[in-house]
Amino acid sequence: MVADPRRPRLALPFTVLAEKDAVRLVAGEDFRYTLAGEGIGRWLPAFLERLDGRRTLDEAVATVDEPDRRAARQIVDRLYGERVVVDGTAADAHPAATFRLEAEGRGPLLEGLNGPASDGPAIHVLCQDRLDYDDALRFNRRRLDGGEPWMWATTGPLARGYVSPVFLPTSGPCLGCLLRHFRRRSPAPEIYDALLARPDDIKAVPFPPEGAALLRHLIVRKAAMLAEPAAPVAAYRLHVLECATLEVTSHRVFLDPECDACGGRRR
């Protein structure tokens, strides 16, 4: 059987009411679902509790007795169709662990980011001072094949700087998803193809040192947030610094199901 990469979770905080042959899910007055089947009340409530966005569907199903596993998968597929179950986010898979910064790349953002050597897990950061999307995508592919989180930070856009969300190898969007989002919103998306075709010709751009310092602080703070017990929303959002106003805004980044970097293996 092909592995199922989905990490499902209930879309709402449902109250689960179980009877012998029926299980009801209730969220307020408007969201009520009834699932019926012989003996379903014996195993389904505990199975639903395991749909927390952290486990893959295969891992959750493996906790169910063999005779009920087929029914468990069918129920999850049905609940996906009803939007009762949705895919887990990066915040759902928040590691709550301490990571050391391991930065690479070039430009002012790289200065002072690498801390003392350690045997602990790393959060990898690619720093850029030019629009080198080819290097960013190659970095993203390497990190998808690894087991540690990563970020991307750039001053390449010149008028603004970006600090990406923390990307996780198991859940949520990747850097490829983010760049596809940028391309869709661009008034000249063909520029992305031109930049990808000629990465060696891309020039670095200047950036105010005060702005670079703000971006470095964002990188360090996001890395520190990974140790917090509860998932901090800010760690998993894109932050944009506008150089003209020094305004920092944050934006949610969604997984792109058509992303050629992660869409085929993470949902």
C-alpha atoms as a PDB file:
ATOM      1  CA  MET A   1       0.000   0.000   0.000  1.00  0.00           C
ATOM      2  CA  VAL A   2       1.282   3.488  -0.897  1.00  0.00           C
ATOM      3  CA  ALA A   3       1.945   5.622   2.186  1.00  0.00           C
ATOM      4  CA  ASP A   4      -0.673   8.291   2.827  1.00  0.00           C
ATOM      5  CA  PRO A   5       1.128  11.569   3.724  1.00  0.00           C
ATOM      6  CA  ARG A   6      -1.974  13.368   4.984  1.00  0.00           C
ATOM      7  CA  ARG A   7      -1.925  14.545   8.594  1.00  0.00           C
ATOM      8  CA  PRO A   8      -5.630  14.992   9.281  1.00  0.00           C
ATOM      9  CA  ARG A   9      -7.239  16.927  12.095  1.00  0.00           C
ATOM     10  CA  LEU A  10     -10.799  17.848  12.999  1.00  0.00           C
ATOM     11  CA  ALA A  11     -11.717  21.239  11.557  1.00  0.00           C
ATOM     12  CA  LEU A  12     -13.607  22.334  14.687  1.00  0.00           C
ATOM     13  CA  PRO A  13     -13.520  21.456  18.408  1.00  0.00           C
ATOM     14  CA  PHE A  14     -16.201  18.801  18.078  1.00  0.00           C
ATOM     15  CA  THR A  15     -17.871  17.179  21.058  1.00  0.00           C
ATOM     16  CA  VAL A  16     -17.948  13.431  20.416  1.00  0.00           C
ATOM     17  CA  LEU A  17     -21.056  11.599  21.632  1.00  0.00           C
ATOM     18  CA  ALA A  18     -20.728   7.841  21.381  1.00  0.00           C
ATOM     19  CA  GLU A  19     -23.278   5.045  21.482  1.00  0.00           C
ATOM     20  CA  LYS A  20     -22.800   1.385  20.653  1.00  0.00           C
ATOM     21  CA  ASP A  21     -23.497   1.699  16.922  1.00  0.00           C
ATOM     22  CA  ALA A  22     -23.356   5.467  16.396  1.00  0.00           C
ATOM     23  CA  VAL A  23     -20.996   8.365  16.974  1.00  0.00           C
ATOM     24  CA  ARG A  24     -22.163  11.977  16.777  1.00  0.00           C
ATOM     25  CA  LEU A  25     -19.924  14.994  16.281  1.00  0.00           C
ATOM     26  CA  VAL A  26     -21.341  18.303  17.526  1.00  0.00           C
ATOM     27  CA  ALA A  27     -19.840  21.791  17.268  1.00  0.00           C
ATOM     28  CA  GLY A  28     -22.365  24.400  18.330  1.00  0.00           C
ATOM     29  CA  GLU A  29     -25.849  24.256  16.832  1.00  0.00           C
ATOM     30  CA  ASP A  30     -24.968  24.305  13.142  1.00  0.00           C
ATOM     31  CA  PHE A  31     -22.370  21.538  12.795  1.00  0.00           C
ATOM     32  CA  ARG A  32     -23.727  18.099  13.630  1.00  0.00           C
ATOM     33  CA  TYR A  33     -22.715  14.839  12.007  1.00  0.00           C
ATOM     34  CA  THR A  34     -23.756  11.260  12.735  1.00  0.00           C
ATOM     35  CA  LEU A  35     -21.683   8.225  11.788  1.00  0.00           C
ATOM     36  CA  ALA A  36     -23.299   4.823  12.134  1.00  0.00           C
ATOM     37  CA  GLY A  37     -22.000   1.272  11.965  1.00  0.00           C
ATOM     38  CA  GLU A  38     -21.909  -1.911  13.959  1.00  0.00           C
ATOM     39  CA  GLY A  39     -19.772  -1.428  17.067  1.00  0.00           C
ATOM     40  CA  ILE A  40     -18.480   1.940  15.853  1.00  0.00           C
ATOM     41  CA  GLY A  41     -18.800   3.496  19.294  1.00  0.00           C
ATOM     42  CA  ARG A  42     -16.191   1.074  20.607  1.00  0.00           C
ATOM     43  CA  TRP A  43     -13.225   2.409  18.602  1.00  0.00           C
ATOM     44  CA  LEU A  44     -14.105   5.560  16.646  1.00  0.00           C
ATOM     45  CA  PRO A  45     -13.987   8.193  19.464  1.00  0.00           C
ATOM     46  CA  ALA A  46     -10.414   7.279  20.404  1.00  0.00           C
ATOM     47  CA  PHE A  47      -9.429   7.230  16.726  1.00  0.00           C
ATOM     48  CA  LEU A  48     -10.867  10.720  16.192  1.00  0.00           C
ATOM     49  CA  GLU A  49      -8.805  12.007  19.139  1.00  0.00           C
ATOM     50  CA  ARG A  50      -5.670  10.866  17.326  1.00  0.00           C
ATOM     51  CA  LEU A  51      -6.504  13.021  14.301  1.00  0.00           C
ATOM     52  CA  ASP A  52      -4.516  15.936  15.689  1.00  0.00           C
ATOM     53  CA  GLY A  53      -2.619  17.181  12.618  1.00  0.00           C
ATOM     54  CA  ARG A  54       0.659  15.735  13.911  1.00  0.00           C
ATOM     55  CA  ARG A  55       0.256  12.070  12.990  1.00  0.00           C
ATOM     56  CA  THR A  56      -0.022  10.849   9.432  1.00  0.00           C
ATOM     57  CA  LEU A  57      -3.211   9.030   8.550  1.00  0.00           C
ATOM     58  CA  ASP A  58      -1.249   5.776   8.359  1.00  0.00           C
ATOM     59  CA  GLU A  59       0.031   6.295  11.919  1.00  0.00           C
ATOM     60  CA  ALA A  60      -3.465   7.017  13.229  1.00  0.00           C
ATOM     61  CA  VAL A  61      -5.004   4.035  11.447  1.00  0.00           C
ATOM     62  CA  ALA A  62      -2.284   1.742  12.820  1.00  0.00           C
ATOM     63  CA  THR A  63      -3.663   2.338  16.334  1.00  0.00           C
ATOM     64  CA  VAL A  64      -7.005   0.777  15.336  1.00  0.00           C
ATOM     65  CA  ASP A  65      -7.546  -2.974  15.446  1.00  0.00           C
ATOM     66  CA  GLU A  66      -7.003  -4.645  12.081  1.00  0.00           C
ATOM     67  CA  PRO A  67     -10.699  -5.489  11.388  1.00  0.00           C
ATOM     68  CA  ASP A  68     -11.668  -1.794  11.752  1.00  0.00           C
ATOM     69  CA  ARG A  69      -8.858  -0.153   9.758  1.00  0.00           C
ATOM     70  CA  ARG A  70     -10.642  -0.160   6.412  1.00  0.00           C
ATOM     71  CA  ALA A  71     -13.672   1.500   8.006  1.00  0.00           C
ATOM     72  CA  ALA A  72     -11.397   4.068   9.680  1.00  0.00           C
ATOM     73  CA  ARG A  73      -9.920   5.111   6.325  1.00  0.00           C
ATOM     74  CA  GLN A  74     -13.359   5.298   4.719  1.00  0.00           C
ATOM     75  CA  ILE A  75     -14.643   7.499   7.532  1.00  0.00           C
ATOM     76  CA  VAL A  76     -11.699   9.868   7.218  1.00  0.00           C
ATOM     77  CA  ASP A  77     -12.256  10.167   3.449  1.00  0.00           C
ATOM     78  CA  ARG A  78     -15.928  10.894   4.056  1.00  0.00           C
ATOM     79  CA  LEU A  79     -15.136  13.519   6.694  1.00  0.00           C
ATOM     80  CA  TYR A  80     -12.606  15.158   4.359  1.00  0.00           C
ATOM     81  CA  GLY A  81     -15.394  15.453   1.790  1.00  0.00           C
ATOM     82  CA  GLU A  82     -17.615  17.155   4.357  1.00  0.00           C
ATOM     83  CA  ARG A  83     -14.751  19.426   5.531  1.00  0.00           C
ATOM     84  CA  VAL A  84     -15.155  17.995   9.011  1.00  0.00           C
ATOM     85  CA  VAL A  85     -11.547  16.817   8.723  1.00  0.00           C
ATOM     86  CA  VAL A  86      -8.845  19.025   7.155  1.00  0.00           C
ATOM     87  CA  ASP A  87      -5.095  18.759   6.687  1.00  0.00           C
ATOM     88  CA  GLY A  88      -2.917  19.674   9.639  1.00  0.00           C
ATOM     89  CA  THR A  89      -0.866  22.863   9.501  1.00  0.00           C
ATOM     90  CA  ALA A  90       2.743  23.560  10.425  1.00  0.00           C
ATOM     91  CA  ALA A  91       1.506  24.989  13.731  1.00  0.00           C
ATOM     92  CA  ASP A  92      -0.216  21.658  14.470  1.00  0.00           C
ATOM     93  CA  ALA A  93       3.185  19.968  14.098  1.00  0.00           C
ATOM     94  CA  HIS A  94       4.977  22.560  16.272  1.00  0.00           C
ATOM     95  CA  PRO A  95       8.083  20.750  17.628  1.00  0.00           C
ATOM     96  CA  ALA A  96       8.329  22.541  21.027  1.00  0.00           C
ATOM     97  CA  ALA A  97      12.086  21.959  21.010  1.00  0.00           C
ATOM     98  CA  THR A  98      15.244  24.069  21.130  1.00  0.00           C
ATOM     99  CA  PHE A  99      17.106  24.560  17.853  1.00  0.00           C
ATOM    100  CA  ARG A 100      20.416  26.216  17.036  1.00  0.00           C
ATOM    101  CA  LEU A 101      20.677  28.514  14.034  1.00  0.00           C
ATOM    102  CA  GLU A 102      22.669  27.234  11.077  1.00  0.00           C
ATOM    103  CA  ALA A 103      22.755  29.949   8.424  1.00  0.00           C
ATOM    104  CA  GLU A 104      24.145  29.916   4.903  1.00  0.00           C
ATOM    105  CA  GLY A 105      24.049  32.147   1.836  1.00  0.00           C
ATOM    106  CA  ARG A 106      25.347  35.659   1.432  1.00  0.00           C
ATOM    107  CA  GLY A 107      24.630  39.275   2.254  1.00  0.00           C
ATOM    108  CA  PRO A 108      24.041  41.387   5.376  1.00  0.00           C
ATOM    109  CA  LEU A 109      21.478  39.033   6.907  1.00  0.00           C
ATOM    110  CA  LEU A 110      24.128  36.350   7.356  1.00  0.00           C
ATOM    111  CA  GLU A 111      26.223  38.453   9.749  1.00  0.00           C
ATOM    112  CA  GLY A 112      26.250  37.061  13.284  1.00  0.00           C
ATOM    113  CA  LEU A 113      23.482  34.501  12.812  1.00  0.00           C
ATOM    114  CA  ASN A 114      25.506  31.337  13.369  1.00  0.00           C
ATOM    115  CA  GLY A 115      25.869  30.637  17.070  1.00  0.00           C
ATOM    116  CA  PRO A 116      28.256  28.310  18.925  1.00  0.00           C
ATOM    117  CA  ALA A 117      28.649  24.800  17.553  1.00  0.00           C
ATOM    118  CA  SER A 118      26.291  22.276  19.107  1.00  0.00           C
ATOM    119  CA  ASP A 119      25.271  18.671  18.699  1.00  0.00           C
ATOM    120  CA  GLY A 120      21.595  19.604  18.959  1.00  0.00           C
ATOM    121  CA  PRO A 121      19.141  19.905  16.054  1.00  0.00           C
ATOM    122  CA  ALA A 122      19.451  22.897  13.745  1.00  0.00           C
ATOM    123  CA  ILE A 123      17.043  25.249  12.071  1.00  0.00           C
ATOM    124  CA  HIS A 124      18.586  26.006   8.693  1.00  0.00           C
ATOM    125  CA  VAL A 125      18.377  29.538   7.294  1.00  0.00           C
ATOM    126  CA  LEU A 126      19.187  30.626   3.752  1.00  0.00           C
ATOM    127  CA  CYS A 127      20.112  34.325   3.593  1.00  0.00           C
ATOM    128  CA  GLN A 128      20.095  36.112   0.235  1.00  0.00           C
ATOM    129  CA  ASP A 129      20.821  39.606  -1.050  1.00  0.00           C
ATOM    130  CA  ARG A 130      19.647  39.022  -4.630  1.00  0.00           C
ATOM    131  CA  LEU A 131      16.708  37.416  -6.438  1.00  0.00           C
ATOM    132  CA  ASP A 132      18.350  34.024  -6.819  1.00  0.00           C
ATOM    133  CA  TYR A 133      15.286  31.790  -6.844  1.00  0.00           C
ATOM    134  CA  ASP A 134      17.269  28.894  -8.290  1.00  0.00           C
ATOM    135  CA  ASP A 135      19.462  28.769  -5.186  1.00  0.00           C
ATOM    136  CA  ALA A 136      16.379  29.156  -2.953  1.00  0.00           C
ATOM    137  CA  LEU A 137      14.611  26.220  -4.604  1.00  0.00           C
ATOM    138  CA  ARG A 138      17.702  24.014  -4.428  1.00  0.00           C
ATOM    139  CA  PHE A 139      18.008  24.852  -0.720  1.00  0.00           C
ATOM    140  CA  ASN A 140      14.318  23.995  -0.278  1.00  0.00           C
ATOM    141  CA  ARG A 141      14.737  20.608  -1.952  1.00  0.00           C
ATOM    142  CA  ARG A 142      17.682  19.737   0.290  1.00  0.00           C
ATOM    143  CA  ARG A 143      15.737  20.628   3.387  1.00  0.00           C
ATOM    144  CA  LEU A 144      12.656  18.653   2.288  1.00  0.00           C
ATOM    145  CA  ASP A 145      14.903  15.606   2.180  1.00  0.00           C
ATOM    146  CA  GLY A 146      16.142  16.300   5.703  1.00  0.00           C
ATOM    147  CA  GLY A 147      14.466  16.121   9.077  1.00  0.00           C
ATOM    148  CA  GLU A 148      15.022  19.637  10.454  1.00  0.00           C
ATOM    149  CA  PRO A 149      13.100  22.918  10.034  1.00  0.00           C
ATOM    150  CA  TRP A 150      14.234  25.765   7.820  1.00  0.00           C
ATOM    151  CA  MET A 151      13.659  29.420   6.920  1.00  0.00           C
ATOM    152  CA  TRP A 152      14.459  31.776   4.066  1.00  0.00           C
ATOM    153  CA  ALA A 153      15.347  35.443   4.494  1.00  0.00           C
ATOM    154  CA  THR A 154      16.121  37.891   1.716  1.00  0.00           C
ATOM    155  CA  THR A 155      16.814  41.539   1.004  1.00  0.00           C
ATOM    156  CA  GLY A 156      16.812  40.833  -2.734  1.00  0.00           C
ATOM    157  CA  PRO A 157      13.517  42.628  -3.479  1.00  0.00           C
ATOM    158  CA  LEU A 158      15.359  45.901  -2.558  1.00  0.00           C
ATOM    159  CA  ALA A 159      12.306  47.899  -1.433  1.00  0.00           C
ATOM    160  CA  ARG A 160      11.381  45.264   1.142  1.00  0.00           C
ATOM    161  CA  GLY A 161      12.841  42.312   2.986  1.00  0.00           C
ATOM    162  CA  TYR A 162      11.291  38.948   3.750  1.00  0.00           C
ATOM    163  CA  VAL A 163      11.600  36.457   6.575  1.00  0.00           C
ATOM    164  CA  SER A 164       9.713  33.321   5.677  1.00  0.00           C
ATOM    165  CA  PRO A 165       7.647  31.184   8.001  1.00  0.00           C
ATOM    166  CA  VAL A 166       9.387  28.328   9.730  1.00  0.00           C
ATOM    167  CA  PHE A 167       9.001  25.410   7.332  1.00  0.00           C
ATOM    168  CA  LEU A 168       8.701  21.892   8.722  1.00  0.00           C
ATOM    169  CA  PRO A 169       9.657  18.682   6.871  1.00  0.00           C
ATOM    170  CA  THR A 170       6.371  16.949   7.731  1.00  0.00           C
ATOM    171  CA  SER A 171       3.577  19.526   7.572  1.00  0.00           C
ATOM    172  CA  GLY A 172       2.494  22.802   6.095  1.00  0.00           C
ATOM    173  CA  PRO A 173       3.866  24.726   3.106  1.00  0.00           C
ATOM    174  CA  CYS A 174       7.451  24.781   1.897  1.00  0.00           C
ATOM    175  CA  LEU A 175       9.524  27.541   0.316  1.00  0.00           C
ATOM    176  CA  GLY A 176       8.428  26.315  -3.108  1.00  0.00           C
ATOM    177  CA  CYS A 177       4.798  26.970  -2.112  1.00  0.00           C
ATOM    178  CA  LEU A 178       5.701  30.513  -1.051  1.00  0.00           C
ATOM    179  CA  LEU A 179       7.546  31.319  -4.271  1.00  0.00           C
ATOM    180  CA  ARG A 180       4.630  29.979  -6.338  1.00  0.00           C
ATOM    181  CA  HIS A 181       2.368  32.303  -4.378  1.00  0.00           C
ATOM    182  CA  PHE A 182       4.670  35.252  -5.153  1.00  0.00           C
ATOM    183  CA  ARG A 183       4.650  34.344  -8.830  1.00  0.00           C
ATOM    184  CA  ARG A 184       0.856  34.166  -9.045  1.00  0.00           C
ATOM    185  CA  ARG A 185       0.580  37.640  -7.532  1.00  0.00           C
ATOM    186  CA  SER A 186       3.289  39.161  -9.708  1.00  0.00           C
ATOM    187  CA  PRO A 187       2.265  41.522 -12.563  1.00  0.00           C
ATOM    188  CA  ALA A 188       5.184  40.071 -14.580  1.00  0.00           C
ATOM    189  CA  PRO A 189       5.420  36.351 -13.708  1.00  0.00           C
ATOM    190  CA  GLU A 190       7.653  35.688 -16.716  1.00  0.00           C
ATOM    191  CA  ILE A 191      10.481  37.435 -14.827  1.00  0.00           C
ATOM    192  CA  TYR A 192      10.670  34.399 -12.556  1.00  0.00           C
ATOM    193  CA  ASP A 193      11.501  32.149 -15.513  1.00  0.00           C
ATOM    194  CA  ALA A 194      14.186  34.580 -16.687  1.00  0.00           C
ATOM    195  CA  LEU A 195      15.774  34.733 -13.233  1.00  0.00           C
ATOM    196  CA  LEU A 196      15.720  30.950 -12.876  1.00  0.00           C
ATOM    197  CA  ALA A 197      17.385  30.565 -16.287  1.00  0.00           C
ATOM    198  CA  ARG A 198      20.287  32.952 -15.568  1.00  0.00           C
ATOM    199  CA  PRO A 199      21.114  32.825 -11.849  1.00  0.00           C
ATOM    200  CA  ASP A 200      24.771  33.778 -12.347  1.00  0.00           C
ATOM    201  CA  ASP A 201      23.775  37.140 -13.867  1.00  0.00           C
ATOM    202  CA  ILE A 202      21.686  38.314 -10.899  1.00  0.00           C
ATOM    203  CA  LYS A 203      23.169  41.290  -9.066  1.00  0.00           C
ATOM    204  CA  ALA A 204      23.097  41.870  -5.323  1.00  0.00           C
ATOM    205  CA  VAL A 205      21.221  44.962  -4.166  1.00  0.00           C
ATOM    206  CA  PRO A 206      21.939  47.420  -1.327  1.00  0.00           C
ATOM    207  CA  PHE A 207      19.796  47.374   1.789  1.00  0.00           C
ATOM    208  CA  PRO A 208      19.747  49.734   4.778  1.00  0.00           C
ATOM    209  CA  PRO A 209      21.716  48.243   7.690  1.00  0.00           C
ATOM    210  CA  GLU A 210      18.952  49.153  10.143  1.00  0.00           C
ATOM    211  CA  GLY A 211      16.480  47.152   8.087  1.00  0.00           C
ATOM    212  CA  ALA A 212      18.844  44.193   7.907  1.00  0.00           C
ATOM    213  CA  ALA A 213      19.194  44.309  11.706  1.00  0.00           C
ATOM    214  CA  LEU A 214      15.399  44.160  12.097  1.00  0.00           C
ATOM    215  CA  LEU A 215      15.214  41.143   9.801  1.00  0.00           C
ATOM    216  CA  ARG A 216      17.974  39.374  11.737  1.00  0.00           C
ATOM    217  CA  HIS A 217      16.044  39.948  14.968  1.00  0.00           C
ATOM    218  CA  LEU A 218      12.980  38.365  13.351  1.00  0.00           C
ATOM    219  CA  ILE A 219      15.018  35.318  12.320  1.00  0.00           C
ATOM    220  CA  VAL A 220      16.452  34.840  15.815  1.00  0.00           C
ATOM    221  CA  ARG A 221      13.071  35.344  17.486  1.00  0.00           C
ATOM    222  CA  LYS A 222      11.296  32.843  15.235  1.00  0.00           C
ATOM    223  CA  ALA A 223      13.971  30.240  15.909  1.00  0.00           C
ATOM    224  CA  ALA A 224      13.561  30.800  19.664  1.00  0.00           C
ATOM    225  CA  MET A 225       9.776  30.446  19.377  1.00  0.00           C
ATOM    226  CA  LEU A 226      10.172  26.817  18.346  1.00  0.00           C
ATOM    227  CA  ALA A 227      10.965  25.975  21.960  1.00  0.00           C
ATOM    228  CA  GLU A 228       7.663  27.365  23.282  1.00  0.00           C
ATOM    229  CA  PRO A 229       5.229  24.674  24.529  1.00  0.00           C
ATOM    230  CA  ALA A 230       2.262  26.091  22.613  1.00  0.00           C
ATOM    231  CA  ALA A 231       2.594  26.801  18.901  1.00  0.00           C
ATOM    232  CA  PRO A 232       3.240  30.539  18.385  1.00  0.00           C
ATOM    233  CA  VAL A 233       1.364  31.817  15.337  1.00  0.00           C
ATOM    234  CA  ALA A 234       4.096  34.319  14.440  1.00  0.00           C
ATOM    235  CA  ALA A 235       6.693  31.609  13.825  1.00  0.00           C
ATOM    236  CA  TYR A 236       4.608  30.146  11.010  1.00  0.00           C
ATOM    237  CA  ARG A 237       3.827  33.375   9.149  1.00  0.00           C
ATOM    238  CA  LEU A 238       5.690  35.358   6.487  1.00  0.00           C
ATOM    239  CA  HIS A 239       7.042  38.696   7.725  1.00  0.00           C
ATOM    240  CA  VAL A 240       7.615  41.570   5.302  1.00  0.00           C
ATOM    241  CA  LEU A 241       9.625  44.690   6.152  1.00  0.00           C
ATOM    242  CA  GLU A 242       8.903  47.774   3.999  1.00  0.00           C
ATOM    243  CA  CYS A 243      12.111  49.814   3.807  1.00  0.00           C
ATOM    244  CA  ALA A 244      10.383  53.142   3.168  1.00  0.00           C
ATOM    245  CA  THR A 245       8.245  53.028   6.310  1.00  0.00           C
ATOM    246  CA  LEU A 246       9.967  50.366   8.433  1.00  0.00           C
ATOM    247  CA  GLU A 247       6.530  48.764   8.715  1.00  0.00           C
ATOM    248  CA  VAL A 248       6.529  45.022   9.365  1.00  0.00           C
ATOM    249  CA  THR A 249       3.490  43.014   8.311  1.00  0.00           C
ATOM    250  CA  SER A 250       2.775  39.296   8.665  1.00  0.00           C
ATOM    251  CA  HIS A 251       0.912  37.031   6.265  1.00  0.00           C
ATOM    252  CA  ARG A 252      -0.330  33.476   6.380  1.00  0.00           C
ATOM    253  CA  VAL A 253       1.260  31.140   3.819  1.00  0.00           C
ATOM    254  CA  PHE A 254      -0.802  28.250   2.486  1.00  0.00           C
ATOM    255  CA  LEU A 255       0.408  24.917   1.195  1.00  0.00           C
ATOM    256  CA  ASP A 256       0.142  24.822  -2.600  1.00  0.00           C
ATOM    257  CA  PRO A 257      -1.280  21.440  -3.687  1.00  0.00           C
ATOM    258  CA  GLU A 258       0.384  21.905  -7.096  1.00  0.00           C
ATOM    259  CA  CYS A 259       3.838  22.670  -5.685  1.00  0.00           C
ATOM    260  CA  ASP A 260       6.308  20.511  -7.583  1.00  0.00           C
ATOM    261  CA  ALA A 261       8.644  20.482  -4.574  1.00  0.00           C
ATOM    262  CA  CYS A 262       6.330  19.133  -1.868  1.00  0.00           C
ATOM    263  CA  GLY A 263       2.834  18.682  -3.304  1.00  0.00           C
ATOM    264  CA  GLY A 264       3.384  15.055  -4.208  1.00  0.00           C
ATOM    265  CA  ARG A 265       4.540  13.943  -0.775  1.00  0.00           C
ATOM    266  CA  ARG A 266       2.984  16.315   1.817  1.00  0.00           C
ATOM    267  CA  ARG A 267      -0.607  17.434   2.163  1.00  0.00           C
END
